[in-house]
Amino acid sequence: METRWVGPDGYEITGAMCGDRQVLRLRRHGEHVADCFSVDELRPYVDLADLCEVITLPFGQRAARGRREAAR
């Protein structure tokens, strides 16, 4: 599951690979802005205190599992 952070003004940060190094990929409104090698490199673009982690919940999986078990 991909970890994603969003901030004001359409900023989004995800982990990515650049060659053999892991980077923090910064996008704004879907457009690539920068690949940062450290959190300090993100600071000129976005206030880190304003970021919010987006958590993807597995909707529907529990209900589907319950229906399969009931069918047995």
PDB file of N, CA and C in Angstrom:
ATOM      1  N   MET A   1       0.853  -1.170   0.000  1.00  0.00           N
ATOM      2  CA  MET A   1       0.000   0.000   0.000  1.00  0.00           C
ATOM      3  C   MET A   1       0.903   1.239   0.000  1.00  0.00           C
ATOM      4  N   GLU A   2       0.612   2.150  -0.853  1.00  0.00           N
ATOM      5  CA  GLU A   2       1.412   3.360  -0.990  1.00  0.00           C
ATOM      6  C   GLU A   2       1.052   4.380   0.085  1.00  0.00           C
ATOM      7  N   THR A   3       2.083   4.955   0.710  1.00  0.00           N
ATOM      8  CA  THR A   3       1.864   6.030   1.662  1.00  0.00           C
ATOM      9  C   THR A   3       1.854   7.340   0.899  1.00  0.00           C
ATOM     10  N   ARG A   4       0.868   8.179   1.211  1.00  0.00           N
ATOM     11  CA  ARG A   4       0.713   9.439   0.485  1.00  0.00           C
ATOM     12  C   ARG A   4       0.384  10.532   1.489  1.00  0.00           C
ATOM     13  N   TRP A   5       1.032  11.665   1.305  1.00  0.00           N
ATOM     14  CA  TRP A   5       0.795  12.835   2.145  1.00  0.00           C
ATOM     15  C   TRP A   5       0.292  13.964   1.267  1.00  0.00           C
ATOM     16  N   VAL A   6      -0.719  14.675   1.719  1.00  0.00           N
ATOM     17  CA  VAL A   6      -1.240  15.808   0.964  1.00  0.00           C
ATOM     18  C   VAL A   6      -1.180  17.061   1.822  1.00  0.00           C
ATOM     19  N   GLY A   7      -1.074  18.185   1.143  1.00  0.00           N
ATOM     20  CA  GLY A   7      -1.012  19.466   1.827  1.00  0.00           C
ATOM     21  C   GLY A   7      -1.857  20.492   1.107  1.00  0.00           C
ATOM     22  N   PRO A   8      -1.843  21.700   1.603  1.00  0.00           N
ATOM     23  CA  PRO A   8      -2.622  22.757   0.962  1.00  0.00           C
ATOM     24  C   PRO A   8      -2.064  23.092  -0.423  1.00  0.00           C
ATOM     25  N   ASP A   9      -2.856  23.765  -1.207  1.00  0.00           N
ATOM     26  CA  ASP A   9      -2.461  24.225  -2.545  1.00  0.00           C
ATOM     27  C   ASP A   9      -2.166  23.078  -3.509  1.00  0.00           C
ATOM     28  N   GLY A  10      -2.755  21.894  -3.264  1.00  0.00           N
ATOM     29  CA  GLY A  10      -2.631  20.793  -4.213  1.00  0.00           C
ATOM     30  C   GLY A  10      -1.341  20.005  -4.146  1.00  0.00           C
ATOM     31  N   TYR A  11      -0.553  20.164  -3.104  1.00  0.00           N
ATOM     32  CA  TYR A  11       0.696  19.407  -2.982  1.00  0.00           C
ATOM     33  C   TYR A  11       0.420  17.979  -2.540  1.00  0.00           C
ATOM     34  N   GLU A  12       1.203  17.044  -3.090  1.00  0.00           N
ATOM     35  CA  GLU A  12       1.099  15.630  -2.750  1.00  0.00           C
ATOM     36  C   GLU A  12       2.506  15.041  -2.734  1.00  0.00           C
ATOM     37  N   ILE A  13       2.801  14.243  -1.718  1.00  0.00           N
ATOM     38  CA  ILE A  13       4.119  13.635  -1.577  1.00  0.00           C
ATOM     39  C   ILE A  13       3.944  12.128  -1.475  1.00  0.00           C
ATOM     40  N   THR A  14       4.728  11.401  -2.278  1.00  0.00           N
ATOM     41  CA  THR A  14       4.737   9.944  -2.237  1.00  0.00           C
ATOM     42  C   THR A  14       6.175   9.467  -2.269  1.00  0.00           C
ATOM     43  N   GLY A  15       6.394   8.246  -1.820  1.00  0.00           N
ATOM     44  CA  GLY A  15       7.713   7.642  -1.944  1.00  0.00           C
ATOM     45  C   GLY A  15       7.891   7.097  -3.344  1.00  0.00           C
ATOM     46  N   ALA A  16       9.111   7.180  -3.864  1.00  0.00           N
ATOM     47  CA  ALA A  16       9.397   6.676  -5.207  1.00  0.00           C
ATOM     48  C   ALA A  16      10.863   6.272  -5.276  1.00  0.00           C
ATOM     49  N   MET A  17      11.218   5.600  -6.346  1.00  0.00           N
ATOM     50  CA  MET A  17      12.610   5.234  -6.575  1.00  0.00           C
ATOM     51  C   MET A  17      13.151   6.061  -7.734  1.00  0.00           C
ATOM     52  N   CYS A  18      14.340   6.591  -7.536  1.00  0.00           N
ATOM     53  CA  CYS A  18      15.042   7.348  -8.580  1.00  0.00           C
ATOM     54  C   CYS A  18      16.397   6.662  -8.737  1.00  0.00           C
ATOM     55  N   GLY A  19      16.510   5.839  -9.766  1.00  0.00           N
ATOM     56  CA  GLY A  19      17.705   5.007  -9.884  1.00  0.00           C
ATOM     57  C   GLY A  19      17.657   3.969  -8.775  1.00  0.00           C
ATOM     58  N   ASP A  20      18.692   3.934  -7.964  1.00  0.00           N
ATOM     59  CA  ASP A  20      18.723   2.987  -6.848  1.00  0.00           C
ATOM     60  C   ASP A  20      18.463   3.659  -5.503  1.00  0.00           C
ATOM     61  N   ARG A  21      18.012   4.923  -5.521  1.00  0.00           N
ATOM     62  CA  ARG A  21      17.760   5.671  -4.283  1.00  0.00           C
ATOM     63  C   ARG A  21      16.276   5.943  -4.115  1.00  0.00           C
ATOM     64  N   GLN A  22      15.855   5.894  -2.865  1.00  0.00           N
ATOM     65  CA  GLN A  22      14.471   6.252  -2.563  1.00  0.00           C
ATOM     66  C   GLN A  22      14.370   7.763  -2.438  1.00  0.00           C
ATOM     67  N   VAL A  23      13.316   8.330  -2.998  1.00  0.00           N
ATOM     68  CA  VAL A  23      13.096   9.776  -2.961  1.00  0.00           C
ATOM     69  C   VAL A  23      11.678  10.055  -2.477  1.00  0.00           C
ATOM     70  N   LEU A  24      11.458  11.290  -2.103  1.00  0.00           N
ATOM     71  CA  LEU A  24      10.123  11.783  -1.803  1.00  0.00           C
ATOM     72  C   LEU A  24       9.689  12.582  -3.027  1.00  0.00           C
ATOM     73  N   ARG A  25       8.719  12.055  -3.760  1.00  0.00           N
ATOM     74  CA  ARG A  25       8.273  12.692  -5.001  1.00  0.00           C
ATOM     75  C   ARG A  25       7.197  13.708  -4.681  1.00  0.00           C
ATOM     76  N   LEU A  26       7.448  14.946  -5.080  1.00  0.00           N
ATOM     77  CA  LEU A  26       6.528  16.049  -4.819  1.00  0.00           C
ATOM     78  C   LEU A  26       5.799  16.416  -6.102  1.00  0.00           C
ATOM     79  N   ARG A  27       4.471  16.433  -6.005  1.00  0.00           N
ATOM     80  CA  ARG A  27       3.633  16.851  -7.127  1.00  0.00           C
ATOM     81  C   ARG A  27       2.717  17.961  -6.641  1.00  0.00           C
ATOM     82  N   ARG A  28       2.315  18.784  -7.578  1.00  0.00           N
ATOM     83  CA  ARG A  28       1.318  19.817  -7.287  1.00  0.00           C
ATOM     84  C   ARG A  28       0.274  19.760  -8.376  1.00  0.00           C
ATOM     85  N   HIS A  29      -0.958  19.520  -7.987  1.00  0.00           N
ATOM     86  CA  HIS A  29      -2.073  19.336  -8.932  1.00  0.00           C
ATOM     87  C   HIS A  29      -1.729  18.291  -9.983  1.00  0.00           C
ATOM     88  N   GLY A  30      -1.027  17.219  -9.559  1.00  0.00           N
ATOM     89  CA  GLY A  30      -0.680  16.117 -10.463  1.00  0.00           C
ATOM     90  C   GLY A  30       0.571  16.326 -11.283  1.00  0.00           C
ATOM     91  N   GLU A  31       1.126  17.521 -11.295  1.00  0.00           N
ATOM     92  CA  GLU A  31       2.340  17.821 -12.069  1.00  0.00           C
ATOM     93  C   GLU A  31       3.574  17.594 -11.201  1.00  0.00           C
ATOM     94  N   HIS A  32       4.566  16.922 -11.748  1.00  0.00           N
ATOM     95  CA  HIS A  32       5.814  16.665 -11.028  1.00  0.00           C
ATOM     96  C   HIS A  32       6.529  17.987 -10.719  1.00  0.00           C
ATOM     97  N   VAL A  33       6.903  18.173  -9.452  1.00  0.00           N
ATOM     98  CA  VAL A  33       7.614  19.380  -9.030  1.00  0.00           C
ATOM     99  C   VAL A  33       9.074  19.061  -8.748  1.00  0.00           C
ATOM    100  N   ALA A  34       9.319  18.028  -7.913  1.00  0.00           N
ATOM    101  CA  ALA A  34      10.696  17.708  -7.530  1.00  0.00           C
ATOM    102  C   ALA A  34      10.765  16.318  -6.931  1.00  0.00           C
ATOM    103  N   ASP A  35      11.950  15.730  -7.017  1.00  0.00           N
ATOM    104  CA  ASP A  35      12.290  14.525  -6.278  1.00  0.00           C
ATOM    105  C   ASP A  35      13.259  14.953  -5.195  1.00  0.00           C
ATOM    106  N   CYS A  36      12.874  14.769  -3.939  1.00  0.00           N
ATOM    107  CA  CYS A  36      13.686  15.229  -2.811  1.00  0.00           C
ATOM    108  C   CYS A  36      14.301  14.021  -2.111  1.00  0.00           C
ATOM    109  N   PHE A  37      15.567  14.138  -1.774  1.00  0.00           N
ATOM    110  CA  PHE A  37      16.278  13.045  -1.126  1.00  0.00           C
ATOM    111  C   PHE A  37      16.163  13.100   0.400  1.00  0.00           C
ATOM    112  N   SER A  38      15.592  14.176   0.929  1.00  0.00           N
ATOM    113  CA  SER A  38      15.412  14.284   2.376  1.00  0.00           C
ATOM    114  C   SER A  38      14.195  15.161   2.662  1.00  0.00           C
ATOM    115  N   VAL A  39      13.728  15.073   3.891  1.00  0.00           N
ATOM    116  CA  VAL A  39      12.596  15.897   4.312  1.00  0.00           C
ATOM    117  C   VAL A  39      12.988  17.376   4.266  1.00  0.00           C
ATOM    118  N   ASP A  40      14.235  17.680   4.582  1.00  0.00           N
ATOM    119  CA  ASP A  40      14.691  19.075   4.545  1.00  0.00           C
ATOM    120  C   ASP A  40      14.548  19.691   3.153  1.00  0.00           C
ATOM    121  N   GLU A  41      14.708  18.889   2.121  1.00  0.00           N
ATOM    122  CA  GLU A  41      14.562  19.403   0.755  1.00  0.00           C
ATOM    123  C   GLU A  41      13.108  19.746   0.416  1.00  0.00           C
ATOM    124  N   LEU A  42      12.158  19.201   1.168  1.00  0.00           N
ATOM    125  CA  LEU A  42      10.736  19.503   0.932  1.00  0.00           C
ATOM    126  C   LEU A  42      10.326  20.853   1.516  1.00  0.00           C
ATOM    127  N   ARG A  43      11.040  21.294   2.549  1.00  0.00           N
ATOM    128  CA  ARG A  43      10.645  22.496   3.290  1.00  0.00           C
ATOM    129  C   ARG A  43      10.441  23.751   2.443  1.00  0.00           C
ATOM    130  N   PRO A  44      11.239  24.008   1.408  1.00  0.00           N
ATOM    131  CA  PRO A  44      10.978  25.219   0.609  1.00  0.00           C
ATOM    132  C   PRO A  44       9.643  25.184  -0.146  1.00  0.00           C
ATOM    133  N   TYR A  45       9.105  23.989  -0.361  1.00  0.00           N
ATOM    134  CA  TYR A  45       7.878  23.850  -1.139  1.00  0.00           C
ATOM    135  C   TYR A  45       6.612  23.856  -0.283  1.00  0.00           C
ATOM    136  N   VAL A  46       6.677  23.183   0.861  1.00  0.00           N
ATOM    137  CA  VAL A  46       5.469  22.988   1.668  1.00  0.00           C
ATOM    138  C   VAL A  46       5.839  22.979   3.151  1.00  0.00           C
ATOM    139  N   ASP A  47       4.946  23.545   3.968  1.00  0.00           N
ATOM    140  CA  ASP A  47       5.132  23.518   5.416  1.00  0.00           C
ATOM    141  C   ASP A  47       4.769  22.108   5.884  1.00  0.00           C
ATOM    142  N   LEU A  48       5.733  21.390   6.434  1.00  0.00           N
ATOM    143  CA  LEU A  48       5.523  20.001   6.809  1.00  0.00           C
ATOM    144  C   LEU A  48       4.426  19.828   7.851  1.00  0.00           C
ATOM    145  N   ALA A  49       4.194  20.834   8.664  1.00  0.00           N
ATOM    146  CA  ALA A  49       3.139  20.769   9.680  1.00  0.00           C
ATOM    147  C   ALA A  49       1.745  20.752   9.049  1.00  0.00           C
ATOM    148  N   ASP A  50       1.629  21.186   7.809  1.00  0.00           N
ATOM    149  CA  ASP A  50       0.335  21.227   7.125  1.00  0.00           C
ATOM    150  C   ASP A  50       0.008  19.928   6.391  1.00  0.00           C
ATOM    151  N   LEU A  51       0.947  18.979   6.351  1.00  0.00           N
ATOM    152  CA  LEU A  51       0.716  17.736   5.621  1.00  0.00           C
ATOM    153  C   LEU A  51      -0.191  16.794   6.400  1.00  0.00           C
ATOM    154  N   CYS A  52      -0.956  16.019   5.671  1.00  0.00           N
ATOM    155  CA  CYS A  52      -1.874  15.054   6.262  1.00  0.00           C
ATOM    156  C   CYS A  52      -1.711  13.730   5.508  1.00  0.00           C
ATOM    157  N   GLU A  53      -1.527  12.641   6.245  1.00  0.00           N
ATOM    158  CA  GLU A  53      -1.382  11.334   5.612  1.00  0.00           C
ATOM    159  C   GLU A  53      -2.731  10.833   5.121  1.00  0.00           C
ATOM    160  N   VAL A  54      -2.745  10.313   3.904  1.00  0.00           N
ATOM    161  CA  VAL A  54      -3.952   9.732   3.328  1.00  0.00           C
ATOM    162  C   VAL A  54      -3.877   8.229   3.559  1.00  0.00           C
ATOM    163  N   ILE A  55      -4.875   7.694   4.241  1.00  0.00           N
ATOM    164  CA  ILE A  55      -4.909   6.266   4.535  1.00  0.00           C
ATOM    165  C   ILE A  55      -5.997   5.627   3.691  1.00  0.00           C
ATOM    166  N   THR A  56      -5.614   4.643   2.893  1.00  0.00           N
ATOM    167  CA  THR A  56      -6.558   3.945   2.035  1.00  0.00           C
ATOM    168  C   THR A  56      -7.140   2.777   2.812  1.00  0.00           C
ATOM    169  N   LEU A  57      -8.440   2.781   2.970  1.00  0.00           N
ATOM    170  CA  LEU A  57      -9.124   1.709   3.681  1.00  0.00           C
ATOM    171  C   LEU A  57      -9.637   0.681   2.677  1.00  0.00           C
ATOM    172  N   PRO A  58      -9.555  -0.593   3.035  1.00  0.00           N
ATOM    173  CA  PRO A  58      -9.997  -1.657   2.113  1.00  0.00           C
ATOM    174  C   PRO A  58     -11.514  -1.831   2.147  1.00  0.00           C
ATOM    175  N   PHE A  59     -12.249  -0.853   1.634  1.00  0.00           N
ATOM    176  CA  PHE A  59     -13.705  -0.924   1.618  1.00  0.00           C
ATOM    177  C   PHE A  59     -14.181  -2.117   0.807  1.00  0.00           C
ATOM    178  N   GLY A  60     -15.200  -2.781   1.308  1.00  0.00           N
ATOM    179  CA  GLY A  60     -15.814  -3.864   0.570  1.00  0.00           C
ATOM    180  C   GLY A  60     -15.205  -5.223   0.817  1.00  0.00           C
ATOM    181  N   GLN A  61     -13.979  -5.305   1.287  1.00  0.00           N
ATOM    182  CA  GLN A  61     -13.346  -6.606   1.462  1.00  0.00           C
ATOM    183  C   GLN A  61     -13.991  -7.390   2.601  1.00  0.00           C
ATOM    184  N   ARG A  62     -14.314  -6.720   3.690  1.00  0.00           N
ATOM    185  CA  ARG A  62     -14.917  -7.414   4.828  1.00  0.00           C
ATOM    186  C   ARG A  62     -16.308  -7.943   4.454  1.00  0.00           C
ATOM    187  N   ALA A  63     -17.090  -7.138   3.779  1.00  0.00           N
ATOM    188  CA  ALA A  63     -18.432  -7.562   3.378  1.00  0.00           C
ATOM    189  C   ALA A  63     -18.350  -8.743   2.408  1.00  0.00           C
ATOM    190  N   ALA A  64     -17.428  -8.691   1.477  1.00  0.00           N
ATOM    191  CA  ALA A  64     -17.284  -9.772   0.501  1.00  0.00           C
ATOM    192  C   ALA A  64     -16.846 -11.051   1.198  1.00  0.00           C
ATOM    193  N   ARG A  65     -15.945 -10.962   2.156  1.00  0.00           N
ATOM    194  CA  ARG A  65     -15.482 -12.134   2.892  1.00  0.00           C
ATOM    195  C   ARG A  65     -16.647 -12.745   3.675  1.00  0.00           C
ATOM    196  N   GLY A  66     -17.486 -11.897   4.275  1.00  0.00           N
ATOM    197  CA  GLY A  66     -18.634 -12.387   5.036  1.00  0.00           C
ATOM    198  C   GLY A  66     -19.619 -13.125   4.159  1.00  0.00           C
ATOM    199  N   ARG A  67     -19.833 -12.630   2.932  1.00  0.00           N
ATOM    200  CA  ARG A  67     -20.754 -13.309   2.001  1.00  0.00           C
ATOM    201  C   ARG A  67     -20.196 -14.663   1.575  1.00  0.00           C
ATOM    202  N   ARG A  68     -18.883 -14.745   1.334  1.00  0.00           N
ATOM    203  CA  ARG A  68     -18.271 -16.013   0.929  1.00  0.00           C
ATOM    204  C   ARG A  68     -18.380 -17.041   2.046  1.00  0.00           C
ATOM    205  N   GLU A  69     -18.144 -16.616   3.306  1.00  0.00           N
ATOM    206  CA  GLU A  69     -18.216 -17.539   4.422  1.00  0.00           C
ATOM    207  C   GLU A  69     -19.662 -18.007   4.645  1.00  0.00           C
ATOM    208  N   ALA A  70     -20.624 -17.139   4.433  1.00  0.00           N
ATOM    209  CA  ALA A  70     -22.037 -17.506   4.601  1.00  0.00           C
ATOM    210  C   ALA A  70     -22.482 -18.495   3.530  1.00  0.00           C
ATOM    211  N   ALA A  71     -21.870 -18.448   2.363  1.00  0.00           N
ATOM    212  CA  ALA A  71     -22.247 -19.304   1.257  1.00  0.00           C
ATOM    213  C   ALA A  71     -21.730 -20.738   1.453  1.00  0.00           C
ATOM    214  N   ARG A  72     -20.784 -20.927   2.366  1.00  0.00           N
ATOM    215  CA  ARG A  72     -20.201 -22.262   2.566  1.00  0.00           C
ATOM    216  C   ARG A  72     -21.131 -23.200   3.258  1.00  0.00           C
TER     217      ARG A  72
END
